[in-house]
Amino acid sequence: MSRSENRWADETAWWTMGAAEARRRMHPACVMVLPRGILQGRDILSALDGPRWEGVTLGERRFVETEDCIVLAYRVSASRGGRAYRAFCSSTWVRQHEDWQMIEHQQTPLAED
């Protein structure tokens, strides 16, 4: 699998994984800008203890890579608890030794049709 394919697989998994797996893939300084507010560190992991997303689809994908940093931008469609969710998102992944960790994630919800 290419580096691009690996990061997209990690990004898709992020929407469905629990806190234990997220802790392994998340940089300690990670910050997230979500519709409900700005989260960092333990607050992110606490949010991941709740119900996870289903039917996750990432479209309109953009991939930017430097030596130790990858930025993903995309449109997500998913559902949780029977409610559909659509948003434009971006995530930044940084290389930590041989692993990649998410250090930033942002969501801009799309207006409902």
PDB file of N, CA and C in Angstrom:
ATOM      1  N   MET A   1       0.843  -1.173   0.000  1.00  0.00           N
ATOM      2  CA  MET A   1       0.000   0.000   0.000  1.00  0.00           C
ATOM      3  C   MET A   1       0.895   1.246   0.000  1.00  0.00           C
ATOM      4  N   SER A   2       0.536   2.251  -0.760  1.00  0.00           N
ATOM      5  CA  SER A   2       1.321   3.486  -0.811  1.00  0.00           C
ATOM      6  C   SER A   2       1.094   4.315   0.450  1.00  0.00           C
ATOM      7  N   ARG A   3       1.944   5.302   0.658  1.00  0.00           N
ATOM      8  CA  ARG A   3       1.784   6.189   1.814  1.00  0.00           C
ATOM      9  C   ARG A   3       0.425   6.885   1.761  1.00  0.00           C
ATOM     10  N   SER A   4       0.027   7.327   0.578  1.00  0.00           N
ATOM     11  CA  SER A   4      -1.273   7.967   0.409  1.00  0.00           C
ATOM     12  C   SER A   4      -2.403   7.011   0.796  1.00  0.00           C
ATOM     13  N   GLU A   5      -2.362   5.794   0.289  1.00  0.00           N
ATOM     14  CA  GLU A   5      -3.401   4.811   0.609  1.00  0.00           C
ATOM     15  C   GLU A   5      -3.434   4.499   2.104  1.00  0.00           C
ATOM     16  N   ASN A   6      -2.269   4.403   2.733  1.00  0.00           N
ATOM     17  CA  ASN A   6      -2.208   4.157   4.181  1.00  0.00           C
ATOM     18  C   ASN A   6      -2.855   5.280   4.967  1.00  0.00           C
ATOM     19  N   ARG A   7      -2.562   6.522   4.597  1.00  0.00           N
ATOM     20  CA  ARG A   7      -3.134   7.641   5.339  1.00  0.00           C
ATOM     21  C   ARG A   7      -4.641   7.708   5.150  1.00  0.00           C
ATOM     22  N   TRP A   8      -5.116   7.458   3.923  1.00  0.00           N
ATOM     23  CA  TRP A   8      -6.563   7.469   3.714  1.00  0.00           C
ATOM     24  C   TRP A   8      -7.230   6.342   4.500  1.00  0.00           C
ATOM     25  N   ALA A   9      -6.601   5.190   4.583  1.00  0.00           N
ATOM     26  CA  ALA A   9      -7.147   4.085   5.384  1.00  0.00           C
ATOM     27  C   ALA A   9      -7.188   4.471   6.860  1.00  0.00           C
ATOM     28  N   ASP A  10      -6.116   5.107   7.354  1.00  0.00           N
ATOM     29  CA  ASP A  10      -6.092   5.568   8.750  1.00  0.00           C
ATOM     30  C   ASP A  10      -7.173   6.612   8.995  1.00  0.00           C
ATOM     31  N   GLU A  11      -7.336   7.516   8.045  1.00  0.00           N
ATOM     32  CA  GLU A  11      -8.336   8.583   8.198  1.00  0.00           C
ATOM     33  C   GLU A  11      -9.746   7.997   8.267  1.00  0.00           C
ATOM     34  N   THR A  12     -10.046   7.070   7.384  1.00  0.00           N
ATOM     35  CA  THR A  12     -11.365   6.432   7.396  1.00  0.00           C
ATOM     36  C   THR A  12     -11.578   5.678   8.706  1.00  0.00           C
ATOM     37  N   ALA A  13     -10.558   4.965   9.154  1.00  0.00           N
ATOM     38  CA  ALA A  13     -10.654   4.213  10.411  1.00  0.00           C
ATOM     39  C   ALA A  13     -10.887   5.135  11.599  1.00  0.00           C
ATOM     40  N   TRP A  14     -10.321   6.339  11.556  1.00  0.00           N
ATOM     41  CA  TRP A  14     -10.460   7.288  12.668  1.00  0.00           C
ATOM     42  C   TRP A  14     -11.931   7.542  12.989  1.00  0.00           C
ATOM     43  N   TRP A  15     -12.778   7.562  11.975  1.00  0.00           N
ATOM     44  CA  TRP A  15     -14.198   7.847  12.176  1.00  0.00           C
ATOM     45  C   TRP A  15     -14.919   6.721  12.924  1.00  0.00           C
ATOM     46  N   THR A  16     -14.368   5.526  12.929  1.00  0.00           N
ATOM     47  CA  THR A  16     -15.072   4.390  13.532  1.00  0.00           C
ATOM     48  C   THR A  16     -14.353   3.771  14.726  1.00  0.00           C
ATOM     49  N   MET A  17     -13.092   4.109  14.950  1.00  0.00           N
ATOM     50  CA  MET A  17     -12.316   3.464  16.022  1.00  0.00           C
ATOM     51  C   MET A  17     -12.673   4.014  17.403  1.00  0.00           C
ATOM     52  N   GLY A  18     -12.333   3.258  18.413  1.00  0.00           N
ATOM     53  CA  GLY A  18     -12.539   3.676  19.787  1.00  0.00           C
ATOM     54  C   GLY A  18     -11.345   4.437  20.334  1.00  0.00           C
ATOM     55  N   ALA A  19     -11.461   4.857  21.579  1.00  0.00           N
ATOM     56  CA  ALA A  19     -10.440   5.694  22.210  1.00  0.00           C
ATOM     57  C   ALA A  19      -9.090   4.994  22.329  1.00  0.00           C
ATOM     58  N   ALA A  20      -9.078   3.692  22.619  1.00  0.00           N
ATOM     59  CA  ALA A  20      -7.799   2.987  22.804  1.00  0.00           C
ATOM     60  C   ALA A  20      -6.968   3.008  21.525  1.00  0.00           C
ATOM     61  N   GLU A  21      -7.595   2.721  20.399  1.00  0.00           N
ATOM     62  CA  GLU A  21      -6.876   2.745  19.123  1.00  0.00           C
ATOM     63  C   GLU A  21      -6.504   4.179  18.736  1.00  0.00           C
ATOM     64  N   ALA A  22      -7.394   5.119  18.989  1.00  0.00           N
ATOM     65  CA  ALA A  22      -7.118   6.523  18.658  1.00  0.00           C
ATOM     66  C   ALA A  22      -5.909   7.034  19.432  1.00  0.00           C
ATOM     67  N   ARG A  23      -5.786   6.653  20.680  1.00  0.00           N
ATOM     68  CA  ARG A  23      -4.649   7.101  21.499  1.00  0.00           C
ATOM     69  C   ARG A  23      -3.328   6.711  20.834  1.00  0.00           C
ATOM     70  N   ARG A  24      -3.277   5.536  20.245  1.00  0.00           N
ATOM     71  CA  ARG A  24      -2.067   5.066  19.582  1.00  0.00           C
ATOM     72  C   ARG A  24      -1.763   5.872  18.318  1.00  0.00           C
ATOM     73  N   ARG A  25      -2.801   6.335  17.638  1.00  0.00           N
ATOM     74  CA  ARG A  25      -2.619   7.034  16.360  1.00  0.00           C
ATOM     75  C   ARG A  25      -2.631   8.555  16.489  1.00  0.00           C
ATOM     76  N   MET A  26      -2.871   9.069  17.681  1.00  0.00           N
ATOM     77  CA  MET A  26      -3.008  10.506  17.890  1.00  0.00           C
ATOM     78  C   MET A  26      -1.751  11.092  18.527  1.00  0.00           C
ATOM     79  N   HIS A  27      -1.261  12.179  17.981  1.00  0.00           N
ATOM     80  CA  HIS A  27      -0.131  12.895  18.578  1.00  0.00           C
ATOM     81  C   HIS A  27      -0.589  13.481  19.916  1.00  0.00           C
ATOM     82  N   PRO A  28       0.268  13.503  20.947  1.00  0.00           N
ATOM     83  CA  PRO A  28      -0.129  14.034  22.255  1.00  0.00           C
ATOM     84  C   PRO A  28      -0.621  15.485  22.210  1.00  0.00           C
ATOM     85  N   ALA A  29      -0.170  16.266  21.238  1.00  0.00           N
ATOM     86  CA  ALA A  29      -0.579  17.671  21.136  1.00  0.00           C
ATOM     87  C   ALA A  29      -1.761  17.873  20.190  1.00  0.00           C
ATOM     88  N   CYS A  30      -2.406  16.798  19.763  1.00  0.00           N
ATOM     89  CA  CYS A  30      -3.485  16.890  18.780  1.00  0.00           C
ATOM     90  C   CYS A  30      -4.581  17.859  19.226  1.00  0.00           C
ATOM     91  N   VAL A  31      -5.076  18.636  18.266  1.00  0.00           N
ATOM     92  CA  VAL A  31      -6.193  19.547  18.496  1.00  0.00           C
ATOM     93  C   VAL A  31      -7.235  19.293  17.410  1.00  0.00           C
ATOM     94  N   MET A  32      -8.509  19.346  17.812  1.00  0.00           N
ATOM     95  CA  MET A  32      -9.604  19.147  16.866  1.00  0.00           C
ATOM     96  C   MET A  32     -10.588  20.295  16.980  1.00  0.00           C
ATOM     97  N   VAL A  33     -10.997  20.803  15.821  1.00  0.00           N
ATOM     98  CA  VAL A  33     -12.006  21.851  15.746  1.00  0.00           C
ATOM     99  C   VAL A  33     -13.258  21.188  15.180  1.00  0.00           C
ATOM    100  N   LEU A  34     -14.230  20.983  16.056  1.00  0.00           N
ATOM    101  CA  LEU A  34     -15.440  20.242  15.713  1.00  0.00           C
ATOM    102  C   LEU A  34     -16.658  21.147  15.849  1.00  0.00           C
ATOM    103  N   PRO A  35     -17.806  20.731  15.327  1.00  0.00           N
ATOM    104  CA  PRO A  35     -18.998  21.571  15.446  1.00  0.00           C
ATOM    105  C   PRO A  35     -19.338  21.941  16.891  1.00  0.00           C
ATOM    106  N   ARG A  36     -19.006  21.075  17.835  1.00  0.00           N
ATOM    107  CA  ARG A  36     -19.348  21.361  19.239  1.00  0.00           C
ATOM    108  C   ARG A  36     -18.264  22.121  19.990  1.00  0.00           C
ATOM    109  N   GLY A  37     -17.120  22.366  19.351  1.00  0.00           N
ATOM    110  CA  GLY A  37     -16.073  23.142  20.006  1.00  0.00           C
ATOM    111  C   GLY A  37     -14.680  22.633  19.691  1.00  0.00           C
ATOM    112  N   ILE A  38     -13.715  23.190  20.373  1.00  0.00           N
ATOM    113  CA  ILE A  38     -12.310  22.841  20.186  1.00  0.00           C
ATOM    114  C   ILE A  38     -11.909  21.855  21.276  1.00  0.00           C
ATOM    115  N   LEU A  39     -11.353  20.720  20.861  1.00  0.00           N
ATOM    116  CA  LEU A  39     -10.936  19.681  21.798  1.00  0.00           C
ATOM    117  C   LEU A  39      -9.442  19.439  21.661  1.00  0.00           C
ATOM    118  N   GLN A  40      -8.826  19.047  22.769  1.00  0.00           N
ATOM    119  CA  GLN A  40      -7.409  18.696  22.746  1.00  0.00           C
ATOM    120  C   GLN A  40      -7.157  17.604  23.779  1.00  0.00           C
ATOM    121  N   GLY A  41      -6.198  16.720  23.459  1.00  0.00           N
ATOM    122  CA  GLY A  41      -5.754  15.692  24.400  1.00  0.00           C
ATOM    123  C   GLY A  41      -6.851  14.780  24.893  1.00  0.00           C
ATOM    124  N   ARG A  42      -6.993  14.696  26.206  1.00  0.00           N
ATOM    125  CA  ARG A  42      -7.956  13.774  26.832  1.00  0.00           C
ATOM    126  C   ARG A  42      -9.394  14.045  26.421  1.00  0.00           C
ATOM    127  N   ASP A  43      -9.706  15.315  26.130  1.00  0.00           N
ATOM    128  CA  ASP A  43     -11.071  15.636  25.704  1.00  0.00           C
ATOM    129  C   ASP A  43     -11.423  14.927  24.400  1.00  0.00           C
ATOM    130  N   ILE A  44     -10.444  14.791  23.508  1.00  0.00           N
ATOM    131  CA  ILE A  44     -10.670  14.066  22.254  1.00  0.00           C
ATOM    132  C   ILE A  44     -10.964  12.604  22.563  1.00  0.00           C
ATOM    133  N   LEU A  45     -10.144  12.002  23.399  1.00  0.00           N
ATOM    134  CA  LEU A  45     -10.323  10.584  23.728  1.00  0.00           C
ATOM    135  C   LEU A  45     -11.651  10.342  24.436  1.00  0.00           C
ATOM    136  N   SER A  46     -12.074  11.252  25.296  1.00  0.00           N
ATOM    137  CA  SER A  46     -13.370  11.119  25.967  1.00  0.00           C
ATOM    138  C   SER A  46     -14.506  11.145  24.950  1.00  0.00           C
ATOM    139  N   ALA A  47     -14.391  12.019  23.954  1.00  0.00           N
ATOM    140  CA  ALA A  47     -15.423  12.110  22.920  1.00  0.00           C
ATOM    141  C   ALA A  47     -15.506  10.817  22.108  1.00  0.00           C
ATOM    142  N   LEU A  48     -14.391  10.128  21.963  1.00  0.00           N
ATOM    143  CA  LEU A  48     -14.373   8.886  21.184  1.00  0.00           C
ATOM    144  C   LEU A  48     -14.949   7.700  21.946  1.00  0.00           C
ATOM    145  N   ASP A  49     -15.227   7.865  23.234  1.00  0.00           N
ATOM    146  CA  ASP A  49     -15.848   6.793  24.011  1.00  0.00           C
ATOM    147  C   ASP A  49     -17.334   6.645  23.693  1.00  0.00           C
ATOM    148  N   GLY A  50     -17.918   7.653  23.048  1.00  0.00           N
ATOM    149  CA  GLY A  50     -19.338   7.609  22.706  1.00  0.00           C
ATOM    150  C   GLY A  50     -19.593   6.789  21.453  1.00  0.00           C
ATOM    151  N   PRO A  51     -20.846   6.800  20.991  1.00  0.00           N
ATOM    152  CA  PRO A  51     -21.183   6.068  19.765  1.00  0.00           C
ATOM    153  C   PRO A  51     -20.320   6.534  18.588  1.00  0.00           C
ATOM    154  N   ARG A  52     -19.922   5.598  17.745  1.00  0.00           N
ATOM    155  CA  ARG A  52     -19.059   5.909  16.605  1.00  0.00           C
ATOM    156  C   ARG A  52     -19.886   6.034  15.328  1.00  0.00           C
ATOM    157  N   TRP A  53     -19.242   6.505  14.293  1.00  0.00           N
ATOM    158  CA  TRP A  53     -19.887   6.729  13.007  1.00  0.00           C
ATOM    159  C   TRP A  53     -20.019   5.420  12.222  1.00  0.00           C
ATOM    160  N   GLU A  54     -21.016   5.381  11.341  1.00  0.00           N
ATOM    161  CA  GLU A  54     -21.247   4.238  10.458  1.00  0.00           C
ATOM    162  C   GLU A  54     -21.355   4.738   9.025  1.00  0.00           C
ATOM    163  N   GLY A  55     -21.164   3.833   8.071  1.00  0.00           N
ATOM    164  CA  GLY A  55     -21.331   4.176   6.661  1.00  0.00           C
ATOM    165  C   GLY A  55     -20.456   5.329   6.212  1.00  0.00           C
ATOM    166  N   VAL A  56     -19.233   5.375   6.700  1.00  0.00           N
ATOM    167  CA  VAL A  56     -18.327   6.497   6.425  1.00  0.00           C
ATOM    168  C   VAL A  56     -17.812   6.431   4.986  1.00  0.00           C
ATOM    169  N   THR A  57     -17.984   7.531   4.267  1.00  0.00           N
ATOM    170  CA  THR A  57     -17.473   7.666   2.904  1.00  0.00           C
ATOM    171  C   THR A  57     -16.710   8.979   2.800  1.00  0.00           C
ATOM    172  N   LEU A  58     -15.478   8.910   2.299  1.00  0.00           N
ATOM    173  CA  LEU A  58     -14.661  10.107   2.098  1.00  0.00           C
ATOM    174  C   LEU A  58     -14.584  10.394   0.602  1.00  0.00           C
ATOM    175  N   GLY A  59     -15.029  11.577   0.195  1.00  0.00           N
ATOM    176  CA  GLY A  59     -15.009  11.966  -1.212  1.00  0.00           C
ATOM    177  C   GLY A  59     -14.256  13.270  -1.407  1.00  0.00           C
ATOM    178  N   GLU A  60     -14.156  13.695  -2.659  1.00  0.00           N
ATOM    179  CA  GLU A  60     -13.465  14.941  -3.019  1.00  0.00           C
ATOM    180  C   GLU A  60     -12.102  15.039  -2.331  1.00  0.00           C
ATOM    181  N   ARG A  61     -11.370  13.964  -2.349  1.00  0.00           N
ATOM    182  CA  ARG A  61     -10.111  13.842  -1.597  1.00  0.00           C
ATOM    183  C   ARG A  61      -8.981  14.685  -2.177  1.00  0.00           C
ATOM    184  N   ARG A  62      -8.237  15.304  -1.269  1.00  0.00           N
ATOM    185  CA  ARG A  62      -7.003  16.017  -1.615  1.00  0.00           C
ATOM    186  C   ARG A  62      -5.913  15.537  -0.664  1.00  0.00           C
ATOM    187  N   PHE A  63      -4.698  15.387  -1.191  1.00  0.00           N
ATOM    188  CA  PHE A  63      -3.570  14.838  -0.435  1.00  0.00           C
ATOM    189  C   PHE A  63      -2.354  15.714  -0.694  1.00  0.00           C
ATOM    190  N   VAL A  64      -1.756  16.243   0.377  1.00  0.00           N
ATOM    191  CA  VAL A  64      -0.541  17.057   0.267  1.00  0.00           C
ATOM    192  C   VAL A  64       0.499  16.448   1.193  1.00  0.00           C
ATOM    193  N   GLU A  65       1.709  16.238   0.667  1.00  0.00           N
ATOM    194  CA  GLU A  65       2.747  15.574   1.450  1.00  0.00           C
ATOM    195  C   GLU A  65       4.048  16.356   1.414  1.00  0.00           C
ATOM    196  N   THR A  66       4.675  16.477   2.584  1.00  0.00           N
ATOM    197  CA  THR A  66       6.051  16.939   2.689  1.00  0.00           C
ATOM    198  C   THR A  66       6.825  15.801   3.353  1.00  0.00           C
ATOM    199  N   GLU A  67       8.051  16.034   3.681  1.00  0.00           N
ATOM    200  CA  GLU A  67       8.876  14.959   4.238  1.00  0.00           C
ATOM    201  C   GLU A  67       8.283  14.331   5.502  1.00  0.00           C
ATOM    202  N   ASP A  68       7.811  15.151   6.426  1.00  0.00           N
ATOM    203  CA  ASP A  68       7.322  14.640   7.712  1.00  0.00           C
ATOM    204  C   ASP A  68       5.895  15.059   8.035  1.00  0.00           C
ATOM    205  N   CYS A  69       5.138  15.478   7.024  1.00  0.00           N
ATOM    206  CA  CYS A  69       3.791  15.983   7.263  1.00  0.00           C
ATOM    207  C   CYS A  69       2.893  15.633   6.076  1.00  0.00           C
ATOM    208  N   ILE A  70       1.678  15.217   6.378  1.00  0.00           N
ATOM    209  CA  ILE A  70       0.682  14.938   5.345  1.00  0.00           C
ATOM    210  C   ILE A  70      -0.608  15.647   5.738  1.00  0.00           C
ATOM    211  N   VAL A  71      -1.206  16.348   4.778  1.00  0.00           N
ATOM    212  CA  VAL A  71      -2.496  16.996   4.986  1.00  0.00           C
ATOM    213  C   VAL A  71      -3.515  16.313   4.082  1.00  0.00           C
ATOM    214  N   LEU A  72      -4.630  15.919   4.671  1.00  0.00           N
ATOM    215  CA  LEU A  72      -5.743  15.330   3.938  1.00  0.00           C
ATOM    216  C   LEU A  72      -6.917  16.293   4.014  1.00  0.00           C
ATOM    217  N   ALA A  73      -7.566  16.535   2.898  1.00  0.00           N
ATOM    218  CA  ALA A  73      -8.783  17.347   2.867  1.00  0.00           C
ATOM    219  C   ALA A  73      -9.820  16.554   2.083  1.00  0.00           C
ATOM    220  N   TYR A  74     -11.070  16.583   2.548  1.00  0.00           N
ATOM    221  CA  TYR A  74     -12.086  15.737   1.923  1.00  0.00           C
ATOM    222  C   TYR A  74     -13.476  16.133   2.388  1.00  0.00           C
ATOM    223  N   ARG A  75     -14.455  15.506   1.762  1.00  0.00           N
ATOM    224  CA  ARG A  75     -15.857  15.649   2.157  1.00  0.00           C
ATOM    225  C   ARG A  75     -16.289  14.305   2.734  1.00  0.00           C
ATOM    226  N   VAL A  76     -16.837  14.313   3.937  1.00  0.00           N
ATOM    227  CA  VAL A  76     -17.279  13.070   4.574  1.00  0.00           C
ATOM    228  C   VAL A  76     -18.802  12.980   4.556  1.00  0.00           C
ATOM    229  N   SER A  77     -19.282  11.761   4.383  1.00  0.00           N
ATOM    230  CA  SER A  77     -20.685  11.421   4.580  1.00  0.00           C
ATOM    231  C   SER A  77     -20.692  10.243   5.538  1.00  0.00           C
ATOM    232  N   ALA A  78     -21.494  10.341   6.590  1.00  0.00           N
ATOM    233  CA  ALA A  78     -21.557   9.281   7.596  1.00  0.00           C
ATOM    234  C   ALA A  78     -22.896   9.380   8.315  1.00  0.00           C
ATOM    235  N   SER A  79     -23.146   8.425   9.187  1.00  0.00           N
ATOM    236  CA  SER A  79     -24.350   8.492  10.012  1.00  0.00           C
ATOM    237  C   SER A  79     -24.038   7.963  11.405  1.00  0.00           C
ATOM    238  N   ARG A  80     -24.829   8.441  12.350  1.00  0.00           N
ATOM    239  CA  ARG A  80     -24.704   7.986  13.741  1.00  0.00           C
ATOM    240  C   ARG A  80     -26.078   8.121  14.379  1.00  0.00           C
ATOM    241  N   GLY A  81     -26.518   7.053  15.002  1.00  0.00           N
ATOM    242  CA  GLY A  81     -27.831   7.086  15.639  1.00  0.00           C
ATOM    243  C   GLY A  81     -28.952   7.399  14.667  1.00  0.00           C
ATOM    244  N   GLY A  82     -28.796   6.970  13.404  1.00  0.00           N
ATOM    245  CA  GLY A  82     -29.827   7.203  12.408  1.00  0.00           C
ATOM    246  C   GLY A  82     -29.809   8.584  11.780  1.00  0.00           C
ATOM    247  N   ARG A  83     -28.869   9.430  12.185  1.00  0.00           N
ATOM    248  CA  ARG A  83     -28.791  10.791  11.636  1.00  0.00           C
ATOM    249  C   ARG A  83     -27.623  10.908  10.672  1.00  0.00           C
ATOM    250  N   ALA A  84     -27.904  11.454   9.502  1.00  0.00           N
ATOM    251  CA  ALA A  84     -26.866  11.658   8.488  1.00  0.00           C
ATOM    252  C   ALA A  84     -26.012  12.867   8.860  1.00  0.00           C
ATOM    253  N   TYR A  85     -24.734  12.810   8.473  1.00  0.00           N
ATOM    254  CA  TYR A  85     -23.801  13.912   8.721  1.00  0.00           C
ATOM    255  C   TYR A  85     -22.934  14.075   7.486  1.00  0.00           C
ATOM    256  N   ARG A  86     -22.786  15.309   7.047  1.00  0.00           N
ATOM    257  CA  ARG A  86     -21.910  15.632   5.928  1.00  0.00           C
ATOM    258  C   ARG A  86     -21.075  16.842   6.316  1.00  0.00           C
ATOM    259  N   ALA A  87     -19.800  16.812   5.965  1.00  0.00           N
ATOM    260  CA  ALA A  87     -18.912  17.924   6.326  1.00  0.00           C
ATOM    261  C   ALA A  87     -17.704  17.947   5.401  1.00  0.00           C
ATOM    262  N   PHE A  88     -17.108  19.125   5.283  1.00  0.00           N
ATOM    263  CA  PHE A  88     -15.767  19.232   4.715  1.00  0.00           C
ATOM    264  C   PHE A  88     -14.808  19.090   5.882  1.00  0.00           C
ATOM    265  N   CYS A  89     -13.732  18.324   5.695  1.00  0.00           N
ATOM    266  CA  CYS A  89     -12.791  18.051   6.782  1.00  0.00           C
ATOM    267  C   CYS A  89     -11.356  18.199   6.303  1.00  0.00           C
ATOM    268  N   SER A  90     -10.479  18.425   7.258  1.00  0.00           N
ATOM    269  CA  SER A  90      -9.042  18.338   6.988  1.00  0.00           C
ATOM    270  C   SER A  90      -8.382  17.713   8.205  1.00  0.00           C
ATOM    271  N   SER A  91      -7.324  16.975   7.945  1.00  0.00           N
ATOM    272  CA  SER A  91      -6.519  16.375   9.011  1.00  0.00           C
ATOM    273  C   SER A  91      -5.055  16.528   8.643  1.00  0.00           C
ATOM    274  N   THR A  92      -4.243  16.719   9.657  1.00  0.00           N
ATOM    275  CA  THR A  92      -2.799  16.796   9.463  1.00  0.00           C
ATOM    276  C   THR A  92      -2.164  15.659  10.242  1.00  0.00           C
ATOM    277  N   TRP A  93      -1.318  14.900   9.552  1.00  0.00           N
ATOM    278  CA  TRP A  93      -0.599  13.770  10.131  1.00  0.00           C
ATOM    279  C   TRP A  93       0.887  14.093  10.107  1.00  0.00           C
ATOM    280  N   VAL A  94       1.575  13.810  11.203  1.00  0.00           N
ATOM    281  CA  VAL A  94       3.021  14.051  11.271  1.00  0.00           C
ATOM    282  C   VAL A  94       3.741  12.736  11.539  1.00  0.00           C
ATOM    283  N   ARG A  95       4.953  12.654  10.989  1.00  0.00           N
ATOM    284  CA  ARG A  95       5.759  11.449  11.192  1.00  0.00           C
ATOM    285  C   ARG A  95       6.415  11.520  12.571  1.00  0.00           C
ATOM    286  N   GLN A  96       6.281  10.448  13.319  1.00  0.00           N
ATOM    287  CA  GLN A  96       6.919  10.292  14.621  1.00  0.00           C
ATOM    288  C   GLN A  96       7.724   9.003  14.557  1.00  0.00           C
ATOM    289  N   HIS A  97       9.016   9.131  14.295  1.00  0.00           N
ATOM    290  CA  HIS A  97       9.887   7.975  14.061  1.00  0.00           C
ATOM    291  C   HIS A  97       9.381   7.252  12.814  1.00  0.00           C
ATOM    292  N   GLU A  98       8.918   6.028  12.920  1.00  0.00           N
ATOM    293  CA  GLU A  98       8.416   5.301  11.747  1.00  0.00           C
ATOM    294  C   GLU A  98       6.894   5.326  11.645  1.00  0.00           C
ATOM    295  N   ASP A  99       6.229   5.927  12.620  1.00  0.00           N
ATOM    296  CA  ASP A  99       4.771   5.969  12.640  1.00  0.00           C
ATOM    297  C   ASP A  99       4.266   7.342  12.219  1.00  0.00           C
ATOM    298  N   TRP A 100       2.997   7.396  11.828  1.00  0.00           N
ATOM    299  CA  TRP A 100       2.321   8.650  11.524  1.00  0.00           C
ATOM    300  C   TRP A 100       1.230   8.854  12.563  1.00  0.00           C
ATOM    301  N   GLN A 101       1.113  10.086  13.071  1.00  0.00           N
ATOM    302  CA  GLN A 101       0.102  10.404  14.078  1.00  0.00           C
ATOM    303  C   GLN A 101      -0.668  11.651  13.662  1.00  0.00           C
ATOM    304  N   MET A 102      -1.969  11.633  13.949  1.00  0.00           N
ATOM    305  CA  MET A 102      -2.797  12.799  13.672  1.00  0.00           C
ATOM    306  C   MET A 102      -2.479  13.889  14.691  1.00  0.00           C
ATOM    307  N   ILE A 103      -2.226  15.103  14.198  1.00  0.00           N
ATOM    308  CA  ILE A 103      -1.948  16.225  15.092  1.00  0.00           C
ATOM    309  C   ILE A 103      -3.024  17.308  14.991  1.00  0.00           C
ATOM    310  N   GLU A 104      -3.855  17.234  13.947  1.00  0.00           N
ATOM    311  CA  GLU A 104      -4.908  18.243  13.769  1.00  0.00           C
ATOM    312  C   GLU A 104      -6.037  17.645  12.955  1.00  0.00           C
ATOM    313  N   HIS A 105      -7.271  18.005  13.323  1.00  0.00           N
ATOM    314  CA  HIS A 105      -8.448  17.608  12.546  1.00  0.00           C
ATOM    315  C   HIS A 105      -9.480  18.714  12.677  1.00  0.00           C
ATOM    316  N   GLN A 106     -10.120  19.041  11.565  1.00  0.00           N
ATOM    317  CA  GLN A 106     -11.116  20.115  11.536  1.00  0.00           C
ATOM    318  C   GLN A 106     -12.310  19.666  10.718  1.00  0.00           C
ATOM    319  N   GLN A 107     -13.527  20.032  11.170  1.00  0.00           N
ATOM    320  CA  GLN A 107     -14.753  19.705  10.442  1.00  0.00           C
ATOM    321  C   GLN A 107     -15.593  20.956  10.239  1.00  0.00           C
ATOM    322  N   THR A 108     -16.082  21.137   9.031  1.00  0.00           N
ATOM    323  CA  THR A 108     -17.040  22.198   8.723  1.00  0.00           C
ATOM    324  C   THR A 108     -18.302  21.522   8.204  1.00  0.00           C
ATOM    325  N   PRO A 109     -19.347  21.421   9.038  1.00  0.00           N
ATOM    326  CA  PRO A 109     -20.574  20.742   8.606  1.00  0.00           C
ATOM    327  C   PRO A 109     -21.197  21.444   7.402  1.00  0.00           C
ATOM    328  N   LEU A 110     -21.780  20.635   6.523  1.00  0.00           N
ATOM    329  CA  LEU A 110     -22.498  21.166   5.372  1.00  0.00           C
ATOM    330  C   LEU A 110     -23.952  21.373   5.758  1.00  0.00           C
ATOM    331  N   ALA A 111     -24.567  22.393   5.195  1.00  0.00           N
ATOM    332  CA  ALA A 111     -25.977  22.655   5.465  1.00  0.00           C
ATOM    333  C   ALA A 111     -26.807  21.481   4.971  1.00  0.00           C
ATOM    334  N   GLU A 112     -27.855  21.168   5.704  1.00  0.00           N
ATOM    335  CA  GLU A 112     -28.737  20.078   5.284  1.00  0.00           C
ATOM    336  C   GLU A 112     -29.530  20.519   4.073  1.00  0.00           C
ATOM    337  N   ASP A 113     -29.803  19.544   3.192  1.00  0.00           N
ATOM    338  CA  ASP A 113     -30.567  19.851   1.971  1.00  0.00           C
ATOM    339  C   ASP A 113     -31.996  20.204   2.301  1.00  0.00           C
TER     340      ASP A 113
END
